[in-house]
Amino acid sequence: MKYYCIGIKGTGMSTLAQMLKDLGHEVYGYDDQKEEKFTQKGLEERNIPIYYDNSFPLDETVIATASKAFQETHPELKRVRESQAKFESYNEILGNITKQFRTIAVCGTHGKTTTTSLLKHFFTNTIGTSYFIGDGSGRIFKDCNHLVLEADEFNRHFLAYESKISIVTCIELEHTEIYDSLEDMISTFSKFLNQNTKELVIACGDDENIRKIKFETPVLFYGENENNDYRIKNMNLNEEGSSFDLYYQNDFIDTFFVPLYGKHMVYNTAAAIIASLKEGITKEEIKASLPSFKNAKRRFQETIVNGHIIIDDYAHHPTEIKVTLEAIRQKYKDKKLVVVFRPNTYSRTEAFHKEFAEALSIADKAYVTPILCDRENQSDYGNVTSEDILKDLPNGELIDEESIDKLEIDTNTVVAFMGCATVAHLIDEYSKRIQK
């Protein structure tokens, strides 16, 4: 088959393209953005061509798919629709792949990428697995029975997927341009967990919204509360990482250490451990793997430039910002914390501007860039701007590439750049100042 992936530099589309290539298909891509993105590495390794104009030949042998960031009015998408090429949705293609493997899916408003990365790490070091991770990395090994998959709720994509085991980390209101309410989100997660999950759900039982689901699929709950099947106890968070004891009912399983920071990372690790144990990986194998775990791209990604600590993180929801800043405090408790946040949609800013301000206030100083959005029109959201966040943020200030010199250069300061829209240019400009 010949696939043409429009928006191929997007994290999800890049991952899908890589997997299709591994399955033996011809794969080509299109993107508007010519600048280098972190999602390109896997595409380049597989020699997947990327077009930036309308020169890719479209005929009846081509199956085209497109990122949701591309509107129907986009010239390349219009060209596809007017051609003889067949069009299939991104989630439909990925859904067909999930049915070819023993798929373990990770869903939830937050924590999907890290939990999926942990599963991939455990399985790769033991029984082997194919994987789809939302940081732009994916690979198919035809001789592996398993596929670990990040199952995204955006645009209800995961309703096209099928899994044997599903992990659900948490449910919180998100993607307000898609979901009418929190109840709408809970209902959609319920459909995936009860209808699309065939054998077992592993669910965070401390999450009150997950507990609202009436499970039809067998479920095991994990968390700190006493009403969970798997209990997390004796959590210890320090500068070196995080350790905890894991129990099944009253039976002690073992003590685990993970080189990650924040209580939320302990929960993600526990979920991945439980799923791995269920698939026959031993606790000894898991413990041996954990110290070498490195998280996915743009998840607490640290760089040191001339002694200055820079953290790049994908956090783009108030809860994600809050727990990530708390995790930075855990590791660098004696340093000043500065955050630079790039909002990426008008709908999310409109819905959560007060929550963004509250989360960002954890830092000693917070900077917010103008909104950078490629899938919404500002005219549809009135006068929503980054100033809506800043008006409730006493330690906040507006910043952009041209005013990056506002950031002080101090080796006793950790500067965290956050957002799912790219912050690479901001980091580059700041790094240049440090190097000078």
Foldseek 3Di string as FASTA:
>chain_A
DEEEEEQCQALQNLQLQLACVQVPYHYEYEYCDPDDDPLCPSVVVSVHYYDNDQPDDDACVYEYEYDLLDDCPPPNNVVNVPYNYHYDYSLLSVQVVQVQAQEEEEEEPDLLQQLLLLLQLLCCLPVDEWERHRLNHTYDDPVGRYYYYYQYCALDSNLSHAHQEYEYQEQDDDPVVRAVDSVSRLVSVLCCQAPRHRAEYEYAPVHVSVVVRDHPHHYAHEECDLPGQKHWDDWDFAQQFIKTWIAGNPHTQDIATARFFFPSSVSSNVSSVVVVVVVPRHPVSSRVRRHPRDGRPQCQDWDAFPLAIEGGHADAALVSLQRVLVRVCRNLVQFAEEEEEEHADLVRCVVCLQSNQVSRLSGPAYEYEWYHYSRDDVVVRPPRINVSNVVNHPRYYYDDLVRLVVDDDDSRYYYYYYHNPDCVSSVVSVSVVSVD
